C-alpha atoms as a PDB file:
ATOM      1  CA  UNK A   1      17.470 -29.368 -15.278  1.00  0.00           C
ATOM      2  CA  UNK A   2      13.427 -28.240 -17.141  1.00  0.00           C
ATOM      3  CA  UNK A   3      13.277 -25.894 -19.690  1.00  0.00           C
ATOM      4  CA  UNK A   4      11.469 -22.373 -19.200  1.00  0.00           C
ATOM      5  CA  UNK A   5       8.856 -23.894 -22.301  1.00  0.00           C
ATOM      6  CA  UNK A   6       8.707 -27.084 -20.173  1.00  0.00           C
ATOM      7  CA  UNK A   7       7.749 -25.325 -17.348  1.00  0.00           C
ATOM      8  CA  UNK A   8       5.142 -23.515 -18.456  1.00  0.00           C
ATOM      9  CA  UNK A   9       4.133 -26.753 -20.027  1.00  0.00           C
ATOM     10  CA  UNK A  10       3.577 -28.464 -16.885  1.00  0.00           C
ATOM     11  CA  UNK A  11       2.105 -25.200 -15.063  1.00  0.00           C
ATOM     12  CA  UNK A  12      -0.423 -24.670 -17.837  1.00  0.00           C
ATOM     13  CA  UNK A  13      -1.532 -28.384 -17.659  1.00  0.00           C
ATOM     14  CA  UNK A  14      -2.357 -28.126 -14.093  1.00  0.00           C
ATOM     15  CA  UNK A  15      -4.576 -24.538 -14.680  1.00  0.00           C
ATOM     16  CA  UNK A  16      -5.871 -26.786 -16.747  1.00  0.00           C
ATOM     17  CA  UNK A  17      -6.840 -29.484 -14.672  1.00  0.00           C
ATOM     18  CA  UNK A  18      -8.253 -27.404 -11.504  1.00  0.00           C
ATOM     19  CA  UNK A  19     -10.341 -25.846 -14.467  1.00  0.00           C
ATOM     20  CA  UNK A  20     -11.604 -28.759 -15.303  1.00  0.00           C
ATOM     21  CA  UNK A  21     -12.285 -29.888 -11.343  1.00  0.00           C
ATOM     22  CA  UNK A  22     -14.308 -26.498 -10.900  1.00  0.00           C
ATOM     23  CA  UNK A  23     -16.083 -27.071 -14.057  1.00  0.00           C
ATOM     24  CA  UNK A  24     -18.020 -30.119 -12.730  1.00  0.00           C
ATOM     25  CA  UNK A  25     -18.936 -28.734  -9.259  1.00  0.00           C
ATOM     26  CA  UNK A  26     -21.015 -26.486 -11.550  1.00  0.00           C
ATOM     27  CA  UNK A  27     -22.543 -30.159 -13.895  1.00  0.00           C
ATOM     28  CA  UNK A  28     -25.544 -30.405 -11.289  1.00  0.00           C
ATOM     29  CA  UNK A  29     -25.997 -26.568  -9.596  1.00  0.00           C
ATOM     30  CA  UNK A  30     -29.156 -24.970 -10.361  1.00  0.00           C
ATOM     31  CA  UNK A  31     -28.854 -21.695 -12.459  1.00  0.00           C
ATOM     32  CA  UNK A  32     -33.012 -20.758 -12.369  1.00  0.00           C
ATOM     33  CA  UNK A  33     -31.878 -18.043  -9.384  1.00  0.00           C
ATOM     34  CA  UNK A  34     -30.621 -16.271 -13.264  1.00  0.00           C
ATOM     35  CA  UNK A  35     -31.741 -18.240 -15.816  1.00  0.00           C
ATOM     36  CA  UNK A  36     -35.328 -18.711 -15.091  1.00  0.00           C
ATOM     37  CA  UNK A  37     -38.113 -16.555 -15.303  1.00  0.00           C
ATOM     38  CA  UNK A  38     -36.975 -13.158 -14.218  1.00  0.00           C
ATOM     39  CA  UNK A  39     -40.543 -11.156 -12.894  1.00  0.00           C
ATOM     40  CA  UNK A  40     -41.446 -14.546 -11.369  1.00  0.00           C
ATOM     41  CA  UNK A  41     -37.902 -14.696  -9.796  1.00  0.00           C
ATOM     42  CA  UNK A  42     -38.286 -10.956  -8.630  1.00  0.00           C
ATOM     43  CA  UNK A  43     -41.337 -11.818  -6.431  1.00  0.00           C
ATOM     44  CA  UNK A  44     -40.237 -14.061  -5.324  1.00  0.00           C
ATOM     45  CA  UNK A  45     -36.744 -12.200  -4.230  1.00  0.00           C
ATOM     46  CA  UNK A  46     -39.373  -9.835  -2.945  1.00  0.00           C
ATOM     47  CA  UNK A  47     -41.545 -12.168  -0.641  1.00  0.00           C
ATOM     48  CA  UNK A  48     -38.334 -13.623   0.387  1.00  0.00           C
ATOM     49  CA  UNK A  49     -39.150 -17.130  -0.881  1.00  0.00           C
ATOM     50  CA  UNK A  50     -35.456 -15.910  -2.647  1.00  0.00           C
ATOM     51  CA  UNK A  51     -31.966 -14.945  -1.816  1.00  0.00           C
ATOM     52  CA  UNK A  52     -30.626 -15.014  -5.582  1.00  0.00           C
ATOM     53  CA  UNK A  53     -26.527 -13.565  -4.086  1.00  0.00           C
ATOM     54  CA  UNK A  54     -26.824 -16.920  -1.501  1.00  0.00           C
ATOM     55  CA  UNK A  55     -27.708 -18.008  -4.726  1.00  0.00           C
ATOM     56  CA  UNK A  56     -24.926 -16.867  -6.697  1.00  0.00           C
ATOM     57  CA  UNK A  57     -22.305 -17.216  -4.062  1.00  0.00           C
ATOM     58  CA  UNK A  58     -22.394 -20.573  -2.703  1.00  0.00           C
ATOM     59  CA  UNK A  59     -21.674 -21.380  -6.934  1.00  0.00           C
ATOM     60  CA  UNK A  60     -18.815 -19.939  -6.827  1.00  0.00           C
ATOM     61  CA  UNK A  61     -17.565 -20.827  -3.760  1.00  0.00           C
ATOM     62  CA  UNK A  62     -17.990 -24.672  -4.891  1.00  0.00           C
ATOM     63  CA  UNK A  63     -15.977 -23.199  -7.653  1.00  0.00           C
ATOM     64  CA  UNK A  64     -13.761 -21.600  -7.068  1.00  0.00           C
ATOM     65  CA  UNK A  65     -12.701 -23.526  -4.144  1.00  0.00           C
ATOM     66  CA  UNK A  66     -12.988 -26.752  -6.538  1.00  0.00           C
ATOM     67  CA  UNK A  67     -10.873 -24.875  -8.944  1.00  0.00           C
ATOM     68  CA  UNK A  68      -7.978 -24.930  -6.172  1.00  0.00           C
ATOM     69  CA  UNK A  69      -8.571 -28.126  -4.490  1.00  0.00           C
ATOM     70  CA  UNK A  70     -10.453 -26.883  -1.223  1.00  0.00           C
ATOM     71  CA  UNK A  71     -13.700 -28.359  -1.533  1.00  0.00           C
ATOM     72  CA  UNK A  72     -12.000 -30.883   1.566  1.00  0.00           C
ATOM     73  CA  UNK A  73     -11.500 -27.591   3.417  1.00  0.00           C
ATOM     74  CA  UNK A  74     -15.282 -26.065   2.152  1.00  0.00           C
ATOM     75  CA  UNK A  75     -16.987 -29.395   3.847  1.00  0.00           C
ATOM     76  CA  UNK A  76     -14.938 -28.849   6.885  1.00  0.00           C
ATOM     77  CA  UNK A  77     -15.656 -24.885   7.438  1.00  0.00           C
ATOM     78  CA  UNK A  78     -19.688 -26.356   6.993  1.00  0.00           C
ATOM     79  CA  UNK A  79     -19.094 -29.095   9.259  1.00  0.00           C
ATOM     80  CA  UNK A  80     -17.114 -26.985  12.228  1.00  0.00           C
ATOM     81  CA  UNK A  81     -18.745 -23.588  11.884  1.00  0.00           C
ATOM     82  CA  UNK A  82     -22.470 -24.671  11.225  1.00  0.00           C
ATOM     83  CA  UNK A  83     -24.049 -23.840   7.962  1.00  0.00           C
ATOM     84  CA  UNK A  84     -24.426 -20.165   8.178  1.00  0.00           C
ATOM     85  CA  UNK A  85     -21.422 -19.316  10.103  1.00  0.00           C
ATOM     86  CA  UNK A  86     -19.736 -22.368   7.039  1.00  0.00           C
ATOM     87  CA  UNK A  87     -21.049 -20.323   4.374  1.00  0.00           C
ATOM     88  CA  UNK A  88     -19.036 -17.000   5.564  1.00  0.00           C
ATOM     89  CA  UNK A  89     -15.989 -18.989   6.191  1.00  0.00           C
ATOM     90  CA  UNK A  90     -16.381 -19.965   2.709  1.00  0.00           C
ATOM     91  CA  UNK A  91     -16.966 -16.719   1.053  1.00  0.00           C
ATOM     92  CA  UNK A  92     -13.797 -15.231   3.001  1.00  0.00           C
ATOM     93  CA  UNK A  93     -11.992 -18.037   1.940  1.00  0.00           C
ATOM     94  CA  UNK A  94     -12.562 -18.127  -1.399  1.00  0.00           C
ATOM     95  CA  UNK A  95     -12.323 -13.539  -1.153  1.00  0.00           C
ATOM     96  CA  UNK A  96      -8.639 -14.375   0.143  1.00  0.00           C
ATOM     97  CA  UNK A  97      -7.646 -17.570  -2.551  1.00  0.00           C
ATOM     98  CA  UNK A  98      -9.523 -14.888  -5.500  1.00  0.00           C
ATOM     99  CA  UNK A  99      -7.940 -11.350  -4.115  1.00  0.00           C
ATOM    100  CA  UNK A 100      -4.437 -13.795  -3.903  1.00  0.00           C
ATOM    101  CA  UNK A 101      -4.663 -14.821  -7.402  1.00  0.00           C
ATOM    102  CA  UNK A 102      -5.713 -11.273  -8.385  1.00  0.00           C
ATOM    103  CA  UNK A 103      -2.539  -9.575  -6.355  1.00  0.00           C
ATOM    104  CA  UNK A 104      -0.198 -12.230  -7.785  1.00  0.00           C
ATOM    105  CA  UNK A 105      -0.860 -12.505 -11.522  1.00  0.00           C
ATOM    106  CA  UNK A 106      -1.554  -8.936 -12.517  1.00  0.00           C
ATOM    107  CA  UNK A 107       1.233  -7.736 -10.420  1.00  0.00           C
ATOM    108  CA  UNK A 108       3.632 -10.241 -11.517  1.00  0.00           C
ATOM    109  CA  UNK A 109       1.885 -10.035 -15.561  1.00  0.00           C
ATOM    110  CA  UNK A 110       2.799  -6.078 -15.359  1.00  0.00           C
ATOM    111  CA  UNK A 111       6.008  -6.957 -13.771  1.00  0.00           C
ATOM    112  CA  UNK A 112       7.435  -8.588 -16.792  1.00  0.00           C
ATOM    113  CA  UNK A 113       6.160  -6.636 -19.055  1.00  0.00           C
ATOM    114  CA  UNK A 114       7.503  -3.063 -17.307  1.00  0.00           C
ATOM    115  CA  UNK A 115      11.230  -4.085 -16.168  1.00  0.00           C
ATOM    116  CA  UNK A 116      11.375  -6.963 -18.569  1.00  0.00           C
ATOM    117  CA  UNK A 117       9.497  -6.607 -22.039  1.00  0.00           C
ATOM    118  CA  UNK A 118       9.846  -2.857 -21.863  1.00  0.00           C
ATOM    119  CA  UNK A 119      12.720  -2.394 -19.511  1.00  0.00           C
ATOM    120  CA  UNK A 120      14.914  -0.584 -22.206  1.00  0.00           C
ATOM    121  CA  UNK A 121      12.405   1.508 -24.009  1.00  0.00           C
ATOM    122  CA  UNK A 122      10.842   2.477 -20.013  1.00  0.00           C
ATOM    123  CA  UNK A 123      14.275   2.930 -17.992  1.00  0.00           C
ATOM    124  CA  UNK A 124      17.320   1.881 -19.735  1.00  0.00           C
ATOM    125  CA  UNK A 125      16.658   4.438 -22.469  1.00  0.00           C
ATOM    126  CA  UNK A 126      16.054   7.341 -20.020  1.00  0.00           C
ATOM    127  CA  UNK A 127      18.493   6.274 -17.858  1.00  0.00           C
ATOM    128  CA  UNK A 128      16.313   5.483 -15.296  1.00  0.00           C
ATOM    129  CA  UNK A 129      17.087   2.427 -13.019  1.00  0.00           C
ATOM    130  CA  UNK A 130      15.457  -0.497 -12.275  1.00  0.00           C
ATOM    131  CA  UNK A 131      14.082  -1.057  -8.605  1.00  0.00           C
ATOM    132  CA  UNK A 132      16.007  -3.702  -6.392  1.00  0.00           C
ATOM    133  CA  UNK A 133      14.467  -7.157  -4.963  1.00  0.00           C
ATOM    134  CA  UNK A 134      14.673  -6.361  -2.242  1.00  0.00           C
ATOM    135  CA  UNK A 135      11.355  -3.409  -2.600  1.00  0.00           C
ATOM    136  CA  UNK A 136       9.893  -6.238  -4.747  1.00  0.00           C
ATOM    137  CA  UNK A 137      10.478  -8.355  -1.441  1.00  0.00           C
ATOM    138  CA  UNK A 138       9.686  -5.647   0.949  1.00  0.00           C
ATOM    139  CA  UNK A 139       5.898  -4.616  -0.756  1.00  0.00           C
ATOM    140  CA  UNK A 140       5.066  -8.707  -1.385  1.00  0.00           C
ATOM    141  CA  UNK A 141       5.618  -9.393   1.342  1.00  0.00           C
ATOM    142  CA  UNK A 142       3.119  -6.877   3.935  1.00  0.00           C
ATOM    143  CA  UNK A 143       0.907  -6.889   0.429  1.00  0.00           C
ATOM    144  CA  UNK A 144       0.154 -10.660   1.285  1.00  0.00           C
ATOM    145  CA  UNK A 145       0.639 -10.585   5.555  1.00  0.00           C
ATOM    146  CA  UNK A 146      -3.046  -7.654   4.325  1.00  0.00           C
ATOM    147  CA  UNK A 147      -5.221  -9.821   2.275  1.00  0.00           C
ATOM    148  CA  UNK A 148      -6.156 -11.819   4.888  1.00  0.00           C
ATOM    149  CA  UNK A 149      -7.492  -8.945   6.142  1.00  0.00           C
ATOM    150  CA  UNK A 150      -8.580  -7.596   2.929  1.00  0.00           C
ATOM    151  CA  UNK A 151     -11.412 -10.719   2.045  1.00  0.00           C
ATOM    152  CA  UNK A 152     -13.369  -9.138   5.345  1.00  0.00           C
ATOM    153  CA  UNK A 153     -14.585  -7.232   3.816  1.00  0.00           C
ATOM    154  CA  UNK A 154     -16.373  -8.467   0.711  1.00  0.00           C
ATOM    155  CA  UNK A 155     -17.832 -11.100   3.205  1.00  0.00           C
ATOM    156  CA  UNK A 156     -19.484  -7.943   4.956  1.00  0.00           C
ATOM    157  CA  UNK A 157     -21.017  -5.923   1.939  1.00  0.00           C
ATOM    158  CA  UNK A 158     -22.012  -9.653   0.952  1.00  0.00           C
ATOM    159  CA  UNK A 159     -23.228 -10.293   4.633  1.00  0.00           C
ATOM    160  CA  UNK A 160     -25.336  -6.589   4.131  1.00  0.00           C
ATOM    161  CA  UNK A 161     -26.325  -7.174   0.642  1.00  0.00           C
ATOM    162  CA  UNK A 162     -27.744 -10.985   1.733  1.00  0.00           C
ATOM    163  CA  UNK A 163     -29.944  -9.868   4.383  1.00  0.00           C
ATOM    164  CA  UNK A 164     -31.774  -6.992   2.607  1.00  0.00           C
ATOM    165  CA  UNK A 165     -30.109  -3.965   4.731  1.00  0.00           C
ATOM    166  CA  UNK A 166     -28.569  -2.397   1.135  1.00  0.00           C
ATOM    167  CA  UNK A 167     -29.746  -0.959  -2.215  1.00  0.00           C
ATOM    168  CA  UNK A 168     -28.051  -3.429  -4.088  1.00  0.00           C
ATOM    169  CA  UNK A 169     -30.339  -5.311  -6.334  1.00  0.00           C
ATOM    170  CA  UNK A 170     -30.091  -8.550  -8.964  1.00  0.00           C
ATOM    171  CA  UNK A 171     -32.442  -8.259 -11.920  1.00  0.00           C
ATOM    172  CA  UNK A 172     -31.964  -4.894 -14.248  1.00  0.00           C
ATOM    173  CA  UNK A 173     -35.609  -5.579 -13.988  1.00  0.00           C
ATOM    174  CA  UNK A 174     -35.320  -4.413  -9.882  1.00  0.00           C
ATOM    175  CA  UNK A 175     -34.687  -0.728 -11.222  1.00  0.00           C
ATOM    176  CA  UNK A 176     -36.781  -0.421 -14.470  1.00  0.00           C
ATOM    177  CA  UNK A 177     -33.669  -1.257 -17.001  1.00  0.00           C
ATOM    178  CA  UNK A 178     -30.261  -0.591 -18.734  1.00  0.00           C
ATOM    179  CA  UNK A 179     -30.638   3.298 -18.673  1.00  0.00           C
ATOM    180  CA  UNK A 180     -31.472   3.419 -14.545  1.00  0.00           C
ATOM    181  CA  UNK A 181     -28.152   1.057 -14.287  1.00  0.00           C
ATOM    182  CA  UNK A 182     -25.983   3.300 -16.366  1.00  0.00           C
ATOM    183  CA  UNK A 183     -26.486   6.247 -14.074  1.00  0.00           C
ATOM    184  CA  UNK A 184     -27.220   4.404 -11.127  1.00  0.00           C
ATOM    185  CA  UNK A 185     -24.105   3.428 -11.373  1.00  0.00           C
ATOM    186  CA  UNK A 186     -22.182   6.457 -12.529  1.00  0.00           C
ATOM    187  CA  UNK A 187     -23.908   7.794  -9.111  1.00  0.00           C
ATOM    188  CA  UNK A 188     -21.918   4.885  -7.242  1.00  0.00           C
ATOM    189  CA  UNK A 189     -18.692   5.867  -8.971  1.00  0.00           C
ATOM    190  CA  UNK A 190     -19.276   9.457  -8.021  1.00  0.00           C
ATOM    191  CA  UNK A 191     -20.019   9.077  -5.047  1.00  0.00           C
ATOM    192  CA  UNK A 192     -17.204   6.542  -4.345  1.00  0.00           C
ATOM    193  CA  UNK A 193     -14.720   8.439  -6.231  1.00  0.00           C
ATOM    194  CA  UNK A 194     -15.237  11.262  -3.371  1.00  0.00           C
ATOM    195  CA  UNK A 195     -15.502   8.915  -0.682  1.00  0.00           C
ATOM    196  CA  UNK A 196     -11.907   7.974  -0.532  1.00  0.00           C
ATOM    197  CA  UNK A 197     -10.653  11.173  -2.138  1.00  0.00           C
ATOM    198  CA  UNK A 198     -12.339  12.272   1.494  1.00  0.00           C
ATOM    199  CA  UNK A 199     -10.715   8.801   2.933  1.00  0.00           C
ATOM    200  CA  UNK A 200      -6.918   9.396   2.078  1.00  0.00           C
ATOM    201  CA  UNK A 201      -6.758  12.884   2.401  1.00  0.00           C
ATOM    202  CA  UNK A 202      -7.769  12.645   5.751  1.00  0.00           C
ATOM    203  CA  UNK A 203      -5.272  10.129   6.122  1.00  0.00           C
ATOM    204  CA  UNK A 204      -2.779  12.252   5.269  1.00  0.00           C
ATOM    205  CA  UNK A 205      -4.050  15.471   7.675  1.00  0.00           C
ATOM    206  CA  UNK A 206      -4.430  13.479  10.540  1.00  0.00           C
ATOM    207  CA  UNK A 207      -0.965  13.403  11.954  1.00  0.00           C
ATOM    208  CA  UNK A 208      -2.085   9.866  13.961  1.00  0.00           C
ATOM    209  CA  UNK A 209      -4.029   8.219  11.009  1.00  0.00           C
ATOM    210  CA  UNK A 210      -0.789   8.890   8.780  1.00  0.00           C
ATOM    211  CA  UNK A 211       1.812   8.284  11.716  1.00  0.00           C
ATOM    212  CA  UNK A 212       0.166   5.291  12.595  1.00  0.00           C
ATOM    213  CA  UNK A 213      -1.781   3.773  10.028  1.00  0.00           C
ATOM    214  CA  UNK A 214      -0.652   5.412   6.081  1.00  0.00           C
ATOM    215  CA  UNK A 215       2.412   6.801   6.975  1.00  0.00           C
ATOM    216  CA  UNK A 216       3.231   2.735   6.094  1.00  0.00           C
ATOM    217  CA  UNK A 217       2.756   2.683   2.594  1.00  0.00           C
ATOM    218  CA  UNK A 218       4.473   6.010   2.078  1.00  0.00           C
ATOM    219  CA  UNK A 219       7.610   4.299   2.838  1.00  0.00           C
ATOM    220  CA  UNK A 220       7.610   3.688  -0.959  1.00  0.00           C
ATOM    221  CA  UNK A 221       8.694   7.492  -1.616  1.00  0.00           C
ATOM    222  CA  UNK A 222      10.240   7.884  -4.327  1.00  0.00           C
ATOM    223  CA  UNK A 223       9.841   6.028  -8.625  1.00  0.00           C
ATOM    224  CA  UNK A 224      12.598   3.644  -7.755  1.00  0.00           C
ATOM    225  CA  UNK A 225      10.190   2.822  -5.179  1.00  0.00           C
ATOM    226  CA  UNK A 226       7.178   2.428  -6.584  1.00  0.00           C
ATOM    227  CA  UNK A 227       6.106  -0.458  -8.284  1.00  0.00           C
ATOM    228  CA  UNK A 228       3.364  -2.264  -8.926  1.00  0.00           C
ATOM    229  CA  UNK A 229       3.704  -5.212  -6.160  1.00  0.00           C
ATOM    230  CA  UNK A 230       3.264  -2.003  -3.939  1.00  0.00           C
ATOM    231  CA  UNK A 231      -0.072  -2.092  -5.352  1.00  0.00           C
ATOM    232  CA  UNK A 232      -1.865  -3.708  -2.176  1.00  0.00           C
ATOM    233  CA  UNK A 233       1.122  -2.701   0.653  1.00  0.00           C
ATOM    234  CA  UNK A 234      -0.523  -1.524   2.787  1.00  0.00           C
ATOM    235  CA  UNK A 235      -1.522  -1.615   6.351  1.00  0.00           C
ATOM    236  CA  UNK A 236      -4.330  -3.849   6.384  1.00  0.00           C
ATOM    237  CA  UNK A 237      -6.521  -1.159   8.503  1.00  0.00           C
ATOM    238  CA  UNK A 238      -5.294   1.297   5.452  1.00  0.00           C
ATOM    239  CA  UNK A 239      -6.572  -0.612   2.989  1.00  0.00           C
ATOM    240  CA  UNK A 240      -9.658  -1.502   3.967  1.00  0.00           C
ATOM    241  CA  UNK A 241     -10.253   1.930   5.380  1.00  0.00           C
ATOM    242  CA  UNK A 242      -9.531   3.078   1.492  1.00  0.00           C
ATOM    243  CA  UNK A 243     -12.100   0.480   0.247  1.00  0.00           C
ATOM    244  CA  UNK A 244     -14.607   1.589   2.392  1.00  0.00           C
ATOM    245  CA  UNK A 245     -16.778   3.613  -0.028  1.00  0.00           C
ATOM    246  CA  UNK A 246     -17.681   0.664  -1.785  1.00  0.00           C
ATOM    247  CA  UNK A 247     -19.540  -0.367   0.533  1.00  0.00           C
ATOM    248  CA  UNK A 248     -21.181   3.067   2.130  1.00  0.00           C
ATOM    249  CA  UNK A 249     -22.883   3.698  -1.063  1.00  0.00           C
ATOM    250  CA  UNK A 250     -24.672   0.603  -1.052  1.00  0.00           C
ATOM    251  CA  UNK A 251     -26.828   1.965   1.804  1.00  0.00           C
ATOM    252  CA  UNK A 252     -27.565   4.887  -0.312  1.00  0.00           C
ATOM    253  CA  UNK A 253     -27.611   3.622  -3.910  1.00  0.00           C
ATOM    254  CA  UNK A 254     -28.739   1.021  -6.128  1.00  0.00           C
ATOM    255  CA  UNK A 255     -26.290  -1.108  -6.912  1.00  0.00           C
ATOM    256  CA  UNK A 256     -25.923  -3.861  -9.446  1.00  0.00           C
ATOM    257  CA  UNK A 257     -24.383  -7.359  -7.263  1.00  0.00           C
ATOM    258  CA  UNK A 258     -22.044  -8.459  -9.622  1.00  0.00           C
ATOM    259  CA  UNK A 259     -20.777  -4.313 -10.327  1.00  0.00           C
ATOM    260  CA  UNK A 260     -19.813  -4.109  -6.981  1.00  0.00           C
ATOM    261  CA  UNK A 261     -18.323  -6.886  -5.957  1.00  0.00           C
ATOM    262  CA  UNK A 262     -16.090  -6.738  -9.412  1.00  0.00           C
ATOM    263  CA  UNK A 263     -15.404  -2.825  -8.630  1.00  0.00           C
ATOM    264  CA  UNK A 264     -14.480  -3.964  -5.082  1.00  0.00           C
ATOM    265  CA  UNK A 265     -11.847  -6.709  -6.679  1.00  0.00           C
ATOM    266  CA  UNK A 266     -10.972  -4.223 -10.089  1.00  0.00           C
ATOM    267  CA  UNK A 267      -9.787  -1.177  -7.543  1.00  0.00           C
ATOM    268  CA  UNK A 268      -6.944  -4.086  -6.874  1.00  0.00           C
ATOM    269  CA  UNK A 269      -5.862  -4.197 -10.064  1.00  0.00           C
ATOM    270  CA  UNK A 270      -6.337  -1.033 -10.751  1.00  0.00           C
ATOM    271  CA  UNK A 271      -3.957  -0.780  -8.260  1.00  0.00           C
ATOM    272  CA  UNK A 272      -1.322  -2.079  -9.649  1.00  0.00           C
ATOM    273  CA  UNK A 273      -1.665   0.331 -12.686  1.00  0.00           C
ATOM    274  CA  UNK A 274      -0.783   3.904 -11.140  1.00  0.00           C
ATOM    275  CA  UNK A 275       1.823   1.942  -9.005  1.00  0.00           C
ATOM    276  CA  UNK A 276       4.170   1.264 -11.667  1.00  0.00           C
ATOM    277  CA  UNK A 277       5.761   4.699 -12.249  1.00  0.00           C
ATOM    278  CA  UNK A 278       5.122   5.392 -15.526  1.00  0.00           C
ATOM    279  CA  UNK A 279       4.197   7.714 -17.803  1.00  0.00           C
ATOM    280  CA  UNK A 280       1.003   8.244 -19.329  1.00  0.00           C
ATOM    281  CA  UNK A 281      -1.319  10.709 -20.745  1.00  0.00           C
ATOM    282  CA  UNK A 282      -5.081   9.475 -19.984  1.00  0.00           C
ATOM    283  CA  UNK A 283      -6.613  12.586 -18.940  1.00  0.00           C
ATOM    284  CA  UNK A 284      -9.198  12.877 -16.769  1.00  0.00           C
ATOM    285  CA  UNK A 285      -7.450   9.412 -15.353  1.00  0.00           C
ATOM    286  CA  UNK A 286      -5.910   9.524 -12.522  1.00  0.00           C
ATOM    287  CA  UNK A 287      -2.479   7.416 -14.457  1.00  0.00           C
ATOM    288  CA  UNK A 288       0.722   6.659 -12.373  1.00  0.00           C
ATOM    289  CA  UNK A 289       1.949   9.838 -12.907  1.00  0.00           C
ATOM    290  CA  UNK A 290       0.040  11.302 -11.214  1.00  0.00           C
ATOM    291  CA  UNK A 291       0.309   9.045  -7.786  1.00  0.00           C
ATOM    292  CA  UNK A 292       3.563   9.033  -8.059  1.00  0.00           C
ATOM    293  CA  UNK A 293       3.376  12.536  -7.502  1.00  0.00           C
ATOM    294  CA  UNK A 294       1.365  11.852  -4.677  1.00  0.00           C
ATOM    295  CA  UNK A 295       4.085   9.207  -3.532  1.00  0.00           C
ATOM    296  CA  UNK A 296       6.693  11.812  -3.914  1.00  0.00           C
ATOM    297  CA  UNK A 297       5.066  15.301  -2.490  1.00  0.00           C
ATOM    298  CA  UNK A 298       2.721  13.528  -0.587  1.00  0.00           C
ATOM    299  CA  UNK A 299      -0.138  16.405   0.030  1.00  0.00           C
ATOM    300  CA  UNK A 300      -2.304  16.392  -4.130  1.00  0.00           C
ATOM    301  CA  UNK A 301      -3.556  13.667  -6.139  1.00  0.00           C
ATOM    302  CA  UNK A 302      -5.570  11.764  -3.153  1.00  0.00           C
ATOM    303  CA  UNK A 303      -8.240  10.205  -6.442  1.00  0.00           C
ATOM    304  CA  UNK A 304      -8.543   6.902  -7.187  1.00  0.00           C
ATOM    305  CA  UNK A 305      -9.440   6.275 -10.900  1.00  0.00           C
ATOM    306  CA  UNK A 306     -10.507   9.630 -12.054  1.00  0.00           C
ATOM    307  CA  UNK A 307      -8.600  13.919 -11.416  1.00  0.00           C
ATOM    308  CA  UNK A 308     -11.612  15.413 -11.172  1.00  0.00           C
ATOM    309  CA  UNK A 309     -11.815  15.727  -6.952  1.00  0.00           C
ATOM    310  CA  UNK A 310      -8.098  17.422  -6.773  1.00  0.00           C
ATOM    311  CA  UNK A 311      -9.202  19.663  -9.430  1.00  0.00           C
ATOM    312  CA  UNK A 312     -12.160  20.728  -7.333  1.00  0.00           C
ATOM    313  CA  UNK A 313     -11.036  20.227  -3.911  1.00  0.00           C
ATOM    314  CA  UNK A 314      -8.252  22.248  -4.982  1.00  0.00           C
ATOM    315  CA  UNK A 315      -5.552  19.116  -4.056  1.00  0.00           C
ATOM    316  CA  UNK A 316      -4.682  18.568  -8.607  1.00  0.00           C
ATOM    317  CA  UNK A 317      -1.005  18.822  -9.453  1.00  0.00           C
ATOM    318  CA  UNK A 318       0.534  18.445 -12.867  1.00  0.00           C
ATOM    319  CA  UNK A 319       3.575  16.348 -13.378  1.00  0.00           C
ATOM    320  CA  UNK A 320       6.525  17.451 -15.140  1.00  0.00           C
ATOM    321  CA  UNK A 321       7.538  15.513 -17.625  1.00  0.00           C
ATOM    322  CA  UNK A 322      11.056  16.457 -17.478  1.00  0.00           C
ATOM    323  CA  UNK A 323      11.517  16.247 -14.159  1.00  0.00           C
ATOM    324  CA  UNK A 324       9.103  12.877 -13.900  1.00  0.00           C
ATOM    325  CA  UNK A 325      10.878   9.991 -11.574  1.00  0.00           C
END
């Protein structure tokens, strides 16, 4: 029976080999859309001769799918569905693989840290029981099943962006420099935060939506049933609805392409944090202590990253540490 160190060594070796294969796919890649003359690239983009979004995506597709040994599948998708539809099928497969990795790696590391490394400090010494494996497995299965639909949302945004239906931009110079980047980013984050607040609140206040869509996630209604694995354990329609402001905002405000994609995937990482039922003081951040109250009391703390929307609209409930968990 191999030791844990030997198993870890094998995993690291396989990961290194996969990374090397992925890197090889980029050796002959053309990066001129990114590293070339920016003014020239913007002019080409404006006249329709250059689509940097498509160029970047093709590079990322090649890298990710090569990394996971899916190059043959990638080629088959192009043969089966044609160049255009096959490309979007590749994007879907890439997003599914990336989303799955983010979920399992993030939740797995979080699980190891809070239930193993820090278990005594966070749970045992406070008289708290650890969640059961039945709970973990239920959440893992629901989350993984839903990922097959979640992976479609970035593909939709890719289509809208690449066909110039949004205000997304690729080059910082397109909007006048970094000060404008940060100003628009702040406005986009505000739009997304308020948008998610109202989508989430509506999913609670509309009886039909709660019963048939959002209520599934709220079967985890005690601190003991909240774990990092619950992060994206939703009815997939629920998850898509709550993520929709990230896409709707693209029609309203200029957003950098990679910022949009990064935030979309980071929201999954953030969901891991707020579902661990561990107390932490990071106001005005909407941490796990606030989200735990949301799961135990239902009608409070609907925000995603921050508490300001709940404060402004009157649904903020500050947790009581003495009664927490």
